[in-house]
Amino acid sequence: MFDMGLIGRQPFMPLRALLDAGLVVAGSSDAPVVDFDPLRGIRCAVERKTAKGRPLNDGQQVTVGEALEMYTVHAARSGGLEEEVGTLAPGKRADMVVLSKDPTQWPPSDLAQVNVVRTICGGVDVYP
């Protein structure tokens, strides 16, 4: 059982505890407080550092794969759109990004070197 009391004592989102409890955790931004960059959100979820770059050491970090799922599969599921988006499959919208490197193959400290090189929405190139 997930200890809801943990949230009251936790200064940052307890991602690991939420995922371990079996909850669907959707990745998103806190815009307009921060930018919309999902890669930045993924890095933050994996690295768990303060704004000044110090490690939180709170045990709440997630893997790159889990963070990617938070911004794709889990985001679609939480919005009730998992039949339309969230994964690449026949019958779903062809929305995807092409990254400069496979983020699952790099240490968290190097994730800032991963960039979007192409974005496709509904099967149409929209970036660059």
C-alpha atoms as a PDB file:
ATOM      1  CA  MET A   1       0.000   0.000   0.000  1.00  0.00           C
ATOM      2  CA  PHE A   2       1.244   3.465  -0.868  1.00  0.00           C
ATOM      3  CA  ASP A   3       1.888   5.662   2.177  1.00  0.00           C
ATOM      4  CA  MET A   4       0.073   8.917   1.346  1.00  0.00           C
ATOM      5  CA  GLY A   5       1.815  10.503   4.325  1.00  0.00           C
ATOM      6  CA  LEU A   6       5.022  10.380   2.286  1.00  0.00           C
ATOM      7  CA  ILE A   7       3.754  13.172   0.049  1.00  0.00           C
ATOM      8  CA  GLY A   8       3.377  15.561   2.978  1.00  0.00           C
ATOM      9  CA  ARG A   9       6.989  15.001   4.017  1.00  0.00           C
ATOM     10  CA  GLN A  10       8.374  14.981   0.477  1.00  0.00           C
ATOM     11  CA  PRO A  11       9.507  18.373  -0.893  1.00  0.00           C
ATOM     12  CA  PHE A  12       9.624  16.968  -4.454  1.00  0.00           C
ATOM     13  CA  MET A  13       7.324  14.583  -6.328  1.00  0.00           C
ATOM     14  CA  PRO A  14       7.979  11.022  -5.036  1.00  0.00           C
ATOM     15  CA  LEU A  15       8.134   9.441  -8.502  1.00  0.00           C
ATOM     16  CA  ARG A  16       9.712   6.138  -7.461  1.00  0.00           C
ATOM     17  CA  ALA A  17       7.175   5.569  -4.678  1.00  0.00           C
ATOM     18  CA  LEU A  18       4.259   6.398  -6.984  1.00  0.00           C
ATOM     19  CA  LEU A  19       5.465   4.024  -9.716  1.00  0.00           C
ATOM     20  CA  ASP A  20       6.278   1.283  -7.207  1.00  0.00           C
ATOM     21  CA  ALA A  21       2.734   1.598  -5.852  1.00  0.00           C
ATOM     22  CA  GLY A  22       1.445   0.814  -9.344  1.00  0.00           C
ATOM     23  CA  LEU A  23       0.088   4.271 -10.092  1.00  0.00           C
ATOM     24  CA  VAL A  24       0.047   5.746 -13.591  1.00  0.00           C
ATOM     25  CA  VAL A  25       2.392   8.721 -13.414  1.00  0.00           C
ATOM     26  CA  ALA A  26       2.075  11.038 -16.391  1.00  0.00           C
ATOM     27  CA  GLY A  27       4.991  13.208 -17.380  1.00  0.00           C
ATOM     28  CA  SER A  28       4.194  16.818 -18.157  1.00  0.00           C
ATOM     29  CA  SER A  29       5.451  20.311 -17.544  1.00  0.00           C
ATOM     30  CA  ASP A  30       4.476  22.774 -14.867  1.00  0.00           C
ATOM     31  CA  ALA A  31       4.149  25.471 -17.506  1.00  0.00           C
ATOM     32  CA  PRO A  32       4.099  28.401 -17.186  1.00  0.00           C
ATOM     33  CA  VAL A  33       6.317  27.868 -14.121  1.00  0.00           C
ATOM     34  CA  VAL A  34       8.865  25.963 -16.237  1.00  0.00           C
ATOM     35  CA  ASP A  35       9.245  25.389 -19.963  1.00  0.00           C
ATOM     36  CA  PHE A  36       7.450  22.718 -22.003  1.00  0.00           C
ATOM     37  CA  ASP A  37      10.623  20.727 -22.834  1.00  0.00           C
ATOM     38  CA  PRO A  38       9.805  17.044 -22.180  1.00  0.00           C
ATOM     39  CA  LEU A  39      13.476  16.074 -22.453  1.00  0.00           C
ATOM     40  CA  ARG A  40      14.228  18.414 -19.559  1.00  0.00           C
ATOM     41  CA  GLY A  41      11.419  16.801 -17.551  1.00  0.00           C
ATOM     42  CA  ILE A  42      12.835  13.357 -18.307  1.00  0.00           C
ATOM     43  CA  ARG A  43      16.311  14.461 -17.202  1.00  0.00           C
ATOM     44  CA  CYS A  44      14.901  15.887 -13.971  1.00  0.00           C
ATOM     45  CA  ALA A  45      13.002  12.671 -13.195  1.00  0.00           C
ATOM     46  CA  VAL A  46      16.126  10.587 -13.780  1.00  0.00           C
ATOM     47  CA  GLU A  47      18.771  12.833 -12.228  1.00  0.00           C
ATOM     48  CA  ARG A  48      16.754  14.165  -9.243  1.00  0.00           C
ATOM     49  CA  LYS A  49      18.804  17.311  -8.680  1.00  0.00           C
ATOM     50  CA  THR A  50      17.957  20.624  -7.077  1.00  0.00           C
ATOM     51  CA  ALA A  51      17.818  23.816  -9.146  1.00  0.00           C
ATOM     52  CA  LYS A  52      21.410  24.423  -8.037  1.00  0.00           C
ATOM     53  CA  GLY A  53      22.512  21.027  -9.369  1.00  0.00           C
ATOM     54  CA  ARG A  54      22.889  19.196  -6.065  1.00  0.00           C
ATOM     55  CA  PRO A  55      21.646  15.583  -5.971  1.00  0.00           C
ATOM     56  CA  LEU A  56      18.478  15.136  -3.931  1.00  0.00           C
ATOM     57  CA  ASN A  57      19.547  11.646  -2.807  1.00  0.00           C
ATOM     58  CA  ASP A  58      15.900  10.995  -1.976  1.00  0.00           C
ATOM     59  CA  GLY A  59      15.674   7.556  -3.583  1.00  0.00           C
ATOM     60  CA  GLN A  60      12.900   8.779  -5.904  1.00  0.00           C
ATOM     61  CA  GLN A  61      14.786   8.729  -9.194  1.00  0.00           C
ATOM     62  CA  VAL A  62      13.407   6.656 -12.067  1.00  0.00           C
ATOM     63  CA  THR A  63      15.103   5.000 -15.012  1.00  0.00           C
ATOM     64  CA  VAL A  64      15.240   6.657 -18.417  1.00  0.00           C
ATOM     65  CA  GLY A  65      12.845   4.012 -19.739  1.00  0.00           C
ATOM     66  CA  GLU A  66      10.347   4.737 -16.957  1.00  0.00           C
ATOM     67  CA  ALA A  67      10.604   8.474 -17.578  1.00  0.00           C
ATOM     68  CA  LEU A  68      10.002   7.962 -21.314  1.00  0.00           C
ATOM     69  CA  GLU A  69       6.911   5.898 -20.485  1.00  0.00           C
ATOM     70  CA  MET A  70       5.679   8.686 -18.208  1.00  0.00           C
ATOM     71  CA  TYR A  71       5.752  11.108 -21.153  1.00  0.00           C
ATOM     72  CA  THR A  72       4.220   8.681 -23.676  1.00  0.00           C
ATOM     73  CA  VAL A  73       2.227   5.656 -22.524  1.00  0.00           C
ATOM     74  CA  HIS A  74       1.286   7.000 -19.082  1.00  0.00           C
ATOM     75  CA  ALA A  75       0.406  10.476 -20.371  1.00  0.00           C
ATOM     76  CA  ALA A  76      -1.920   8.938 -22.971  1.00  0.00           C
ATOM     77  CA  ARG A  77      -3.492   6.606 -20.394  1.00  0.00           C
ATOM     78  CA  SER A  78      -4.059   9.357 -17.846  1.00  0.00           C
ATOM     79  CA  GLY A  79      -5.791  11.451 -20.484  1.00  0.00           C
ATOM     80  CA  GLY A  80      -7.976   8.566 -21.653  1.00  0.00           C
ATOM     81  CA  LEU A  81      -6.282   8.600 -25.060  1.00  0.00           C
ATOM     82  CA  GLU A  82      -4.355   5.332 -24.999  1.00  0.00           C
ATOM     83  CA  GLU A  83      -6.330   3.993 -28.001  1.00  0.00           C
ATOM     84  CA  GLU A  84      -5.201   7.012 -30.075  1.00  0.00           C
ATOM     85  CA  VAL A  85      -1.700   7.970 -28.895  1.00  0.00           C
ATOM     86  CA  GLY A  86       1.099   6.995 -26.531  1.00  0.00           C
ATOM     87  CA  THR A  87       2.625   4.180 -28.598  1.00  0.00           C
ATOM     88  CA  LEU A  88       3.264   3.542 -32.266  1.00  0.00           C
ATOM     89  CA  ALA A  89       0.731   1.007 -33.477  1.00  0.00           C
ATOM     90  CA  PRO A  90      -1.607   0.492 -36.437  1.00  0.00           C
ATOM     91  CA  GLY A  91      -4.675   2.707 -36.154  1.00  0.00           C
ATOM     92  CA  LYS A  92      -3.066   5.247 -33.813  1.00  0.00           C
ATOM     93  CA  ARG A  93      -1.932   8.737 -34.792  1.00  0.00           C
ATOM     94  CA  ALA A  94       1.585   8.684 -36.148  1.00  0.00           C
ATOM     95  CA  ASP A  95       3.042  11.111 -33.590  1.00  0.00           C
ATOM     96  CA  MET A  96       6.708  10.707 -32.711  1.00  0.00           C
ATOM     97  CA  VAL A  97      10.035  12.380 -32.243  1.00  0.00           C
ATOM     98  CA  VAL A  98      13.398  11.255 -33.534  1.00  0.00           C
ATOM     99  CA  LEU A  99      16.200  11.848 -31.055  1.00  0.00           C
ATOM    100  CA  SER A 100      19.876  12.447 -31.795  1.00  0.00           C
ATOM    101  CA  LYS A 101      20.870   9.556 -29.530  1.00  0.00           C
ATOM    102  CA  ASP A 102      19.161   6.686 -27.736  1.00  0.00           C
ATOM    103  CA  PRO A 103      18.654   8.130 -24.230  1.00  0.00           C
ATOM    104  CA  THR A 104      18.468   4.654 -22.693  1.00  0.00           C
ATOM    105  CA  GLN A 105      22.076   4.027 -23.731  1.00  0.00           C
ATOM    106  CA  TRP A 106      23.599   7.049 -21.987  1.00  0.00           C
ATOM    107  CA  PRO A 107      24.326   7.726 -18.323  1.00  0.00           C
ATOM    108  CA  PRO A 108      21.967  10.269 -16.736  1.00  0.00           C
ATOM    109  CA  SER A 109      24.761  12.842 -16.611  1.00  0.00           C
ATOM    110  CA  ASP A 110      24.919  12.821 -20.439  1.00  0.00           C
ATOM    111  CA  LEU A 111      21.174  13.132 -21.127  1.00  0.00           C
ATOM    112  CA  ALA A 112      21.514  16.852 -21.849  1.00  0.00           C
ATOM    113  CA  GLN A 113      23.338  15.832 -25.049  1.00  0.00           C
ATOM    114  CA  VAL A 114      20.192  14.153 -26.414  1.00  0.00           C
ATOM    115  CA  ASN A 115      18.220  16.456 -28.730  1.00  0.00           C
ATOM    116  CA  VAL A 116      15.131  16.293 -30.907  1.00  0.00           C
ATOM    117  CA  VAL A 117      16.121  16.134 -34.586  1.00  0.00           C
ATOM    118  CA  ARG A 118      12.688  15.493 -36.102  1.00  0.00           C
ATOM    119  CA  THR A 119       9.051  15.664 -35.002  1.00  0.00           C
ATOM    120  CA  ILE A 120       6.183  13.948 -36.804  1.00  0.00           C
ATOM    121  CA  CYS A 121       2.522  14.601 -35.938  1.00  0.00           C
ATOM    122  CA  GLY A 122      -0.224  12.607 -37.599  1.00  0.00           C
ATOM    123  CA  GLY A 123       2.340  11.249 -40.040  1.00  0.00           C
ATOM    124  CA  VAL A 124       3.401  14.745 -41.156  1.00  0.00           C
ATOM    125  CA  ASP A 125       6.829  16.273 -40.548  1.00  0.00           C
ATOM    126  CA  VAL A 126       6.427  19.367 -38.361  1.00  0.00           C
ATOM    127  CA  TYR A 127      10.044  19.855 -37.236  1.00  0.00           C
ATOM    128  CA  PRO A 128      12.508  20.819 -38.519  1.00  0.00           C
END
